[in-house]
Amino acid sequence: MKLLSDEELEALLLDLESDRVERKENAKHKDRLCEAICAFANDLPNSGEPGVLMIGVRDDGTPAGLDVDDTLMSTLGDIRSNGKILPPPMMTVQKRRLRGEIVVVIEVEPSSSPPVRYEGRVWVRIGPRRAIASAEEERRLAEKRRWKDLPFDQRGAELASLDDLDLPLFSDEYLPQAIAPDILEANERTTEHKLRSLRLLTAEGHPTYAAILLFSPEPRQFVPGAYLQFVRFDGSELTDPILDQKEVWGPLPVVLRQIDEICASHIHVRSSIDTSDLELRHPDYPKVALQQLVRNAVMHRNYETSNAPVRMYWFSDRIEISNPGSLYGSVNPSNFGRGATDYRNPLLAEAFKVLGFVQRFGIGVPTARKALQTNGNPLPEFNFNDPNQLLVTLRERP
């Protein structure tokens, strides 16, 4: 993402007629900032140019003398990863000196995957107007999506149709959490319109692969590796007897809940009494850590070129979770699990946030580490050596 020069920013600062810039004296009203970012990401005029939100600037373009500290910069930078704007916008937050004063400049690139929503609403901007998009404006945004450039989960499954989706699961569970209630009440929006506006249906009427993974009762018809293999061994080797074995498949919301239940049934809890005669419970593995690491594996795996499942092998002394596909994009072994985010399957990541399986982006591994440490387990061990899979090993609590 190429940043605008000082000369370009100053020209936008003084151009009161431009639809590419919005000015705010301060950052007190965070909702309005997020609405502006959402609108720039949607780029309804199809300018192809970044929108610029300037904070610490009056409406007439003069600097307001805003005190720009690290707390403010951190708060603004958090907008991208807190999961309230979906899909997450491509944006930069920087301190720049314009007209002799420090201001905050947020540059927002047009999304390749509109419509973009802030808390379930699509915001657009044409000229000075910023408002919730109409059904027609949402349709226009969906039509300008660049399908050929999109990740696998946003491409159409050309052999699939709406008949391959569990539409009640979509309408009853996903829609109320993905779209604001007042937008849902608009009677001109058909089921196809709603699917298309959420990037779950192509213009030709084919479900995207994300829709297949999320809502198809038989996802393996279209994505052969779309299941999770669970094996519990009576020992520490692959050759030891098997105590339990399951292949879990179906719509991902159902799969993730089933895996939670399987893990809960296999966790062994020891009890002890403290000096106050209170019972203390000590699970061999904390449920939260297992949830986070399994969901990470399902969300980030390679569905496009691998037919292998996500595997969860539970031994007597450890648990191994492996997923096809190693680290992706800007994430590498040095920044992995330290807040770095990049998504092989961005629409699945968005859906996990909508459905509540992810609370915010970039904290799954830190959350798992903290839960293991609190429970007395060793920290998880990540193996990045195999380019075709990522393996995490959890050791039992002593």
Protein backbone atom coordinates (compact mmCIF):
# COMPACT_ATOMS: atom_id res chain seq x y z
CA MET A 1 0.00 0.00 0.00
CA LYS A 2 1.68 3.18 -1.22
CA LEU A 3 1.22 6.10 1.17
CA LEU A 4 0.21 9.52 -0.07
CA SER A 5 2.90 12.20 -0.05
CA ASP A 6 2.73 15.32 2.10
CA GLU A 7 1.92 17.35 -1.03
CA GLU A 8 -0.99 15.04 -1.93
CA LEU A 9 -2.32 15.11 1.63
CA GLU A 10 -2.14 18.92 1.85
CA ALA A 11 -4.02 19.19 -1.46
CA LEU A 12 -6.77 16.93 -0.08
CA LEU A 13 -6.74 18.83 3.21
CA LEU A 14 -7.62 22.08 1.43
CA ASP A 15 -10.00 20.58 -1.17
CA LEU A 16 -13.32 21.02 0.60
CA GLU A 17 -15.24 19.50 -2.33
CA SER A 18 -13.36 16.19 -2.48
CA ASP A 19 -15.28 13.00 -1.72
CA ARG A 20 -12.01 11.26 -0.83
CA VAL A 21 -11.40 13.05 2.47
CA GLU A 22 -13.26 13.47 5.74
CA ARG A 23 -12.07 15.76 8.51
CA LYS A 24 -12.57 15.40 12.26
CA GLU A 25 -11.38 17.77 14.98
CA ASN A 26 -10.94 14.89 17.45
CA ALA A 27 -11.50 11.17 17.91
CA LYS A 28 -14.23 11.41 20.56
CA HIS A 29 -16.92 9.81 18.39
CA LYS A 30 -15.35 6.50 17.42
CA ASP A 31 -18.53 5.25 15.74
CA ARG A 32 -18.37 8.07 13.21
CA LEU A 33 -14.74 7.32 12.48
CA CYS A 34 -15.60 3.68 11.84
CA GLU A 35 -18.51 4.65 9.60
CA ALA A 36 -16.18 6.86 7.55
CA ILE A 37 -13.60 4.07 7.23
CA CYS A 38 -16.32 1.63 6.17
CA ALA A 39 -17.61 4.07 3.55
CA PHE A 40 -14.14 4.67 2.09
CA ALA A 41 -13.52 0.90 1.94
CA ASN A 42 -16.74 0.44 -0.03
CA ASP A 43 -15.71 3.11 -2.58
CA LEU A 44 -19.19 3.32 -4.09
CA PRO A 45 -18.08 5.93 -6.71
CA ASN A 46 -15.52 3.31 -7.84
CA SER A 47 -12.66 5.83 -7.87
CA GLY A 48 -10.08 3.16 -7.09
CA GLU A 49 -8.26 5.72 -4.93
CA PRO A 50 -7.70 5.57 -1.16
CA GLY A 51 -10.01 7.55 1.07
CA VAL A 52 -8.41 9.72 3.74
CA LEU A 53 -9.72 10.37 7.23
CA MET A 54 -7.89 13.28 8.88
CA ILE A 55 -8.21 13.62 12.65
CA GLY A 56 -7.19 16.88 14.28
CA VAL A 57 -8.46 19.01 11.39
CA ARG A 58 -11.39 21.45 11.28
CA ASP A 59 -14.00 21.45 8.54
CA ASP A 60 -12.25 24.35 6.79
CA GLY A 61 -8.99 22.36 6.57
CA THR A 62 -7.09 24.15 9.33
CA PRO A 63 -5.32 22.04 12.01
CA ALA A 64 -7.12 21.90 15.36
CA GLY A 65 -4.03 21.35 17.55
CA LEU A 66 -4.99 17.83 18.63
CA ASP A 67 -2.76 16.15 21.24
CA VAL A 68 -1.69 12.98 19.41
CA ASP A 69 -0.29 10.46 21.90
CA ASP A 70 0.46 6.73 21.81
CA THR A 71 -2.90 5.86 23.40
CA LEU A 72 -4.79 7.59 20.62
CA MET A 73 -2.69 5.91 17.94
CA SER A 74 -3.19 2.49 19.53
CA THR A 75 -6.95 3.03 19.79
CA LEU A 76 -7.21 4.01 16.13
CA GLY A 77 -4.97 1.17 14.99
CA ASP A 78 -7.20 -1.29 16.85
CA ILE A 79 -10.12 -0.44 14.54
CA ARG A 80 -8.85 -2.84 11.89
CA SER A 81 -8.51 -5.89 14.15
CA ASN A 82 -11.43 -5.55 16.58
CA GLY A 83 -13.79 -7.24 14.13
CA LYS A 84 -16.47 -4.54 14.01
CA ILE A 85 -15.68 -3.61 10.39
CA LEU A 86 -16.00 -6.72 8.20
CA PRO A 87 -14.17 -7.67 6.10
CA PRO A 88 -11.27 -5.91 7.89
CA PRO A 89 -10.27 -2.80 5.93
CA MET A 90 -6.83 -2.32 4.43
CA MET A 91 -5.76 0.87 6.16
CA THR A 92 -2.79 2.69 7.67
CA VAL A 93 -2.75 4.98 10.69
CA GLN A 94 0.05 7.56 10.82
CA LYS A 95 1.09 10.81 12.42
CA ARG A 96 1.85 13.42 9.78
CA ARG A 97 2.83 17.08 9.98
CA LEU A 98 0.55 19.11 7.73
CA ARG A 99 0.49 22.89 7.61
CA GLY A 100 2.90 22.94 10.54
CA GLU A 101 0.78 20.81 12.92
CA ILE A 102 0.66 17.11 13.81
CA VAL A 103 -2.52 15.38 12.64
CA VAL A 104 -3.57 11.73 12.38
CA VAL A 105 -4.02 10.47 8.84
CA ILE A 106 -5.91 7.22 8.19
CA GLU A 107 -5.64 6.03 4.59
CA VAL A 108 -8.25 3.44 3.56
CA GLU A 109 -7.85 1.36 0.40
CA PRO A 110 -10.97 0.38 -1.60
CA SER A 111 -11.95 -3.16 -0.67
CA SER A 112 -11.67 -5.91 -3.28
CA SER A 113 -14.51 -7.66 -1.51
CA PRO A 114 -17.41 -5.24 -0.91
CA PRO A 115 -19.88 -4.66 0.64
CA VAL A 116 -17.97 -3.80 3.81
CA ARG A 117 -20.07 -3.52 6.99
CA TYR A 118 -19.63 -1.72 10.27
CA GLU A 119 -21.67 -3.47 12.97
CA GLY A 120 -23.93 -5.00 10.36
CA ARG A 121 -24.53 -1.85 8.27
CA VAL A 122 -23.06 -0.93 4.88
CA TRP A 123 -21.88 2.69 4.86
CA VAL A 124 -21.21 4.54 1.62
CA ARG A 125 -20.05 8.01 0.63
CA ILE A 126 -20.72 10.03 -2.51
CA GLY A 127 -19.57 13.63 -2.33
CA PRO A 128 -20.43 15.05 1.10
CA ARG A 129 -23.04 12.35 1.82
CA ARG A 130 -22.28 9.47 4.18
CA ALA A 131 -25.22 7.18 4.81
CA ILE A 132 -26.37 3.57 5.09
CA ALA A 133 -26.47 1.99 1.65
CA SER A 134 -29.77 1.29 -0.02
CA ALA A 135 -30.55 -2.14 -1.45
CA GLU A 136 -29.64 -0.85 -4.93
CA GLU A 137 -26.32 0.54 -3.67
CA GLU A 138 -25.52 -2.79 -2.02
CA ARG A 139 -26.25 -4.52 -5.32
CA ARG A 140 -23.86 -2.18 -7.13
CA LEU A 141 -21.14 -2.89 -4.57
CA ALA A 142 -21.59 -6.64 -4.95
CA GLU A 143 -21.41 -6.39 -8.75
CA LYS A 144 -18.05 -4.62 -8.75
CA ARG A 145 -16.39 -7.36 -6.73
CA ARG A 146 -13.23 -8.63 -8.38
CA TRP A 147 -13.97 -12.35 -8.25
CA LYS A 148 -10.89 -13.54 -10.12
CA ASP A 149 -8.56 -11.80 -7.68
CA LEU A 150 -10.28 -13.14 -4.56
CA PRO A 151 -9.12 -15.81 -2.10
CA PHE A 152 -10.41 -19.34 -2.53
CA ASP A 153 -13.17 -19.05 0.08
CA GLN A 154 -14.76 -16.13 -1.83
CA ARG A 155 -14.79 -17.82 -5.23
CA GLY A 156 -17.87 -19.51 -6.57
CA ALA A 157 -18.36 -23.27 -6.35
CA GLU A 158 -19.53 -23.61 -9.95
CA LEU A 159 -21.12 -27.03 -9.46
CA ALA A 160 -23.14 -25.88 -6.45
CA SER A 161 -26.52 -24.16 -6.17
CA LEU A 162 -28.72 -22.77 -3.40
CA ASP A 163 -30.17 -26.27 -2.99
CA ASP A 164 -26.81 -27.33 -1.56
CA LEU A 165 -27.09 -24.90 1.38
CA ASP A 166 -28.98 -25.19 4.65
CA LEU A 167 -30.81 -21.88 4.16
CA PRO A 168 -32.61 -22.00 7.55
CA LEU A 169 -29.17 -22.22 9.23
CA PHE A 170 -28.12 -19.15 7.25
CA SER A 171 -31.35 -17.22 7.91
CA ASP A 172 -31.89 -18.15 11.55
CA GLU A 173 -28.34 -18.19 12.92
CA TYR A 174 -26.02 -16.20 10.67
CA LEU A 175 -28.13 -13.36 9.30
CA PRO A 176 -29.31 -11.89 12.64
CA GLN A 177 -25.68 -11.58 13.76
CA ALA A 178 -24.24 -10.40 10.44
CA ILE A 179 -26.76 -7.69 9.49
CA ALA A 180 -28.30 -5.01 11.68
CA PRO A 181 -31.99 -5.60 12.54
CA ASP A 182 -33.27 -2.48 10.77
CA ILE A 183 -31.55 -3.57 7.55
CA LEU A 184 -33.02 -7.06 7.80
CA GLU A 185 -36.51 -5.61 8.08
CA ALA A 186 -36.22 -4.04 4.62
CA ASN A 187 -38.62 -6.24 2.65
CA GLU A 188 -37.00 -5.67 -0.73
CA ARG A 189 -34.02 -7.87 0.22
CA THR A 190 -34.47 -11.47 -0.92
CA THR A 191 -32.47 -14.42 0.43
CA GLU A 192 -30.32 -14.30 -2.71
CA HIS A 193 -29.71 -10.58 -2.18
CA LYS A 194 -28.68 -11.18 1.43
CA LEU A 195 -26.33 -14.01 0.47
CA ARG A 196 -24.79 -11.91 -2.31
CA SER A 197 -24.32 -8.86 -0.10
CA LEU A 198 -22.45 -11.03 2.42
CA ARG A 199 -20.17 -12.40 -0.35
CA LEU A 200 -21.74 -15.86 -0.05
CA LEU A 201 -23.24 -15.96 -3.55
CA THR A 202 -21.73 -15.02 -6.91
CA ALA A 203 -23.42 -12.87 -9.52
CA GLU A 204 -24.10 -16.09 -11.45
CA GLY A 205 -25.96 -17.58 -8.50
CA HIS A 206 -23.33 -20.06 -7.27
CA PRO A 207 -22.55 -20.32 -3.55
CA THR A 208 -19.01 -19.31 -2.69
CA TYR A 209 -16.78 -21.91 -1.08
CA ALA A 210 -17.20 -20.09 2.25
CA ALA A 211 -20.97 -20.58 1.95
CA ILE A 212 -20.40 -24.27 1.22
CA LEU A 213 -18.15 -24.67 4.26
CA LEU A 214 -20.46 -22.71 6.54
CA PHE A 215 -23.90 -23.89 5.48
CA SER A 216 -23.73 -27.05 3.35
CA PRO A 217 -24.81 -30.30 5.07
CA GLU A 218 -22.43 -32.11 2.65
CA PRO A 219 -19.41 -29.80 2.19
CA ARG A 220 -17.11 -32.69 1.19
CA GLN A 221 -18.94 -32.95 -2.14
CA PHE A 222 -17.24 -29.68 -3.11
CA VAL A 223 -14.27 -29.45 -0.69
CA PRO A 224 -12.98 -33.00 -0.04
CA GLY A 225 -10.83 -32.00 2.96
CA ALA A 226 -13.64 -30.22 4.80
CA TYR A 227 -13.71 -32.36 7.93
CA LEU A 228 -11.84 -32.90 11.18
CA GLN A 229 -10.33 -36.22 12.21
CA PHE A 230 -10.24 -36.91 15.96
CA VAL A 231 -8.33 -39.89 17.39
CA ARG A 232 -7.74 -40.70 21.07
CA PHE A 233 -4.86 -43.15 21.62
CA ASP A 234 -4.27 -45.35 24.65
CA GLY A 235 -0.59 -44.43 24.84
CA SER A 236 1.95 -42.01 23.43
CA GLU A 237 2.54 -43.58 19.98
CA LEU A 238 0.54 -43.78 16.74
CA THR A 239 0.76 -47.57 16.96
CA ASP A 240 -0.96 -47.72 20.37
CA PRO A 241 -4.59 -48.90 20.65
CA ILE A 242 -7.32 -46.42 19.72
CA LEU A 243 -9.79 -45.50 22.45
CA ASP A 244 -11.99 -43.21 20.35
CA GLN A 245 -12.11 -42.09 16.72
CA LYS A 246 -14.43 -39.70 14.91
CA GLU A 247 -14.67 -37.89 11.60
CA VAL A 248 -16.57 -34.67 12.18
CA TRP A 249 -18.05 -32.93 9.13
CA GLY A 250 -20.99 -30.78 8.13
CA PRO A 251 -21.62 -27.02 8.36
CA LEU A 252 -18.71 -25.45 10.23
CA PRO A 253 -20.83 -23.92 13.04
CA VAL A 254 -22.10 -27.44 13.80
CA VAL A 255 -18.63 -28.99 13.46
CA LEU A 256 -17.02 -26.54 15.89
CA ARG A 257 -19.69 -27.16 18.52
CA GLN A 258 -19.30 -30.92 18.13
CA ILE A 259 -15.55 -30.64 18.57
CA ASP A 260 -16.08 -28.61 21.75
CA GLU A 261 -18.27 -31.41 23.10
CA ILE A 262 -15.76 -34.12 22.13
CA CYS A 263 -12.90 -32.26 23.81
CA ALA A 264 -14.95 -31.66 26.95
CA SER A 265 -15.74 -35.38 27.20
CA HIS A 266 -12.03 -36.31 27.00
CA ILE A 267 -10.63 -33.72 29.42
CA HIS A 268 -9.74 -35.38 32.73
CA VAL A 269 -10.26 -33.20 35.80
CA ARG A 270 -8.43 -33.87 39.07
CA SER A 271 -9.64 -32.44 42.36
CA SER A 272 -7.77 -31.33 45.46
CA ILE A 273 -8.63 -29.53 48.69
CA ASP A 274 -6.85 -26.29 49.64
CA THR A 275 -6.11 -25.01 53.15
CA SER A 276 -9.60 -23.46 53.34
CA ASP A 277 -11.27 -26.81 52.59
CA LEU A 278 -12.29 -25.54 49.13
CA GLU A 279 -12.27 -28.01 46.27
CA LEU A 280 -9.84 -27.10 43.47
CA ARG A 281 -10.35 -28.58 40.01
CA HIS A 282 -7.36 -29.20 37.74
CA PRO A 283 -8.10 -30.22 34.12
CA ASP A 284 -5.25 -31.87 32.26
CA TYR A 285 -5.92 -29.37 29.44
CA PRO A 286 -7.86 -26.10 29.61
CA LYS A 287 -10.90 -26.16 27.32
CA VAL A 288 -10.29 -22.58 26.15
CA ALA A 289 -6.87 -23.45 24.76
CA LEU A 290 -8.22 -26.41 22.82
CA GLN A 291 -11.05 -24.29 21.42
CA GLN A 292 -8.75 -21.51 20.25
CA LEU A 293 -6.19 -23.78 18.60
CA VAL A 294 -8.75 -26.00 16.85
CA ARG A 295 -10.67 -22.97 15.55
CA ASN A 296 -7.41 -21.44 14.33
CA ALA A 297 -6.60 -24.65 12.47
CA VAL A 298 -10.04 -24.84 10.83
CA MET A 299 -10.05 -21.14 9.92
CA HIS A 300 -6.51 -20.86 8.52
CA ARG A 301 -6.06 -24.21 6.78
CA ASN A 302 -5.58 -24.63 3.04
CA TYR A 303 -8.90 -25.79 1.57
CA GLU A 304 -7.95 -25.11 -2.03
CA THR A 305 -5.17 -27.56 -2.88
CA SER A 306 -5.19 -30.09 -0.01
CA ASN A 307 -7.73 -32.86 0.54
CA ALA A 308 -6.33 -33.69 3.99
CA PRO A 309 -8.44 -32.98 7.08
CA VAL A 310 -7.55 -31.01 10.17
CA ARG A 311 -6.26 -33.65 12.58
CA MET A 312 -6.51 -33.76 16.36
CA TYR A 313 -4.53 -36.67 17.84
CA TRP A 314 -4.92 -37.06 21.61
CA PHE A 315 -2.16 -39.14 23.22
CA SER A 316 -1.66 -40.07 26.85
CA ASP A 317 0.91 -37.30 27.35
CA ARG A 318 0.12 -34.72 24.66
CA ILE A 319 -2.30 -33.47 22.03
CA GLU A 320 -1.22 -32.78 18.44
CA ILE A 321 -3.32 -30.51 16.20
CA SER A 322 -2.26 -30.25 12.57
CA ASN A 323 -3.78 -28.42 9.64
CA PRO A 324 -2.90 -28.45 5.92
CA GLY A 325 -1.06 -25.32 4.88
CA SER A 326 1.61 -23.50 6.84
CA LEU A 327 1.85 -19.80 7.70
CA TYR A 328 0.27 -17.40 5.24
CA GLY A 329 1.05 -13.97 3.88
CA SER A 330 2.75 -11.54 6.24
CA VAL A 331 2.68 -13.98 9.20
CA ASN A 332 6.04 -15.66 9.88
CA PRO A 333 7.59 -17.67 12.74
CA SER A 334 8.92 -14.52 14.43
CA ASN A 335 5.59 -12.62 14.57
CA PHE A 336 3.24 -15.62 14.82
CA GLY A 337 1.01 -15.42 17.88
CA ARG A 338 2.06 -11.84 18.63
CA GLY A 339 -0.88 -10.02 17.07
CA ALA A 340 0.17 -10.39 13.41
CA THR A 341 -2.81 -11.16 11.19
CA ASP A 342 -3.20 -12.31 7.61
CA TYR A 343 -5.88 -14.57 6.21
CA ARG A 344 -5.79 -17.37 3.70
CA ASN A 345 -9.59 -17.55 4.18
CA PRO A 346 -10.71 -14.01 5.07
CA LEU A 347 -14.43 -14.66 4.61
CA LEU A 348 -14.27 -17.64 6.97
CA ALA A 349 -12.44 -15.46 9.49
CA GLU A 350 -15.23 -12.89 9.18
CA ALA A 351 -17.88 -15.58 9.66
CA PHE A 352 -16.14 -16.94 12.77
CA LYS A 353 -16.23 -13.42 14.23
CA VAL A 354 -19.90 -12.97 13.30
CA LEU A 355 -20.84 -16.31 14.88
CA GLY A 356 -18.87 -15.61 18.07
CA PHE A 357 -16.21 -18.31 17.61
CA VAL A 358 -13.61 -15.52 17.43
CA GLN A 359 -13.87 -12.56 19.81
CA ARG A 360 -11.37 -10.39 17.93
CA PHE A 361 -8.65 -10.99 15.39
CA GLY A 362 -5.07 -11.89 16.28
CA ILE A 363 -5.57 -13.08 19.88
CA GLY A 364 -6.36 -16.80 19.46
CA VAL A 365 -2.82 -18.05 20.07
CA PRO A 366 -2.10 -15.56 22.92
CA THR A 367 -5.39 -16.62 24.55
CA ALA A 368 -4.42 -20.29 24.30
CA ARG A 369 -0.96 -19.60 25.72
CA LYS A 370 -2.42 -17.71 28.68
CA ALA A 371 -4.98 -20.46 29.42
CA LEU A 372 -2.29 -23.14 29.35
CA GLN A 373 0.05 -21.15 31.56
CA THR A 374 -2.73 -20.40 34.08
CA ASN A 375 -3.67 -24.08 34.20
CA GLY A 376 -0.06 -25.14 34.79
CA ASN A 377 0.57 -26.68 31.36
CA PRO A 378 3.75 -26.08 29.38
CA LEU A 379 3.37 -23.50 26.60
CA PRO A 380 2.28 -24.86 23.20
CA GLU A 381 5.00 -25.95 20.76
CA PHE A 382 4.58 -24.83 17.13
CA ASN A 383 6.37 -26.59 14.29
CA PHE A 384 6.66 -24.57 11.06
CA ASN A 385 9.23 -26.80 9.33
CA ASP A 386 6.79 -28.64 7.04
CA PRO A 387 5.66 -26.30 4.21
CA ASN A 388 2.48 -28.37 3.81
CA GLN A 389 1.19 -28.26 7.36
CA LEU A 390 1.33 -26.45 10.69
CA LEU A 391 1.62 -28.61 13.80
CA VAL A 392 0.97 -27.53 17.39
CA THR A 393 1.70 -29.80 20.35
CA LEU A 394 0.15 -29.34 23.80
CA ARG A 395 1.69 -31.12 26.79
CA GLU A 396 -0.39 -32.48 29.63
CA ARG A 397 -0.49 -30.60 32.93
CA PRO A 398 2.02 -32.22 35.33
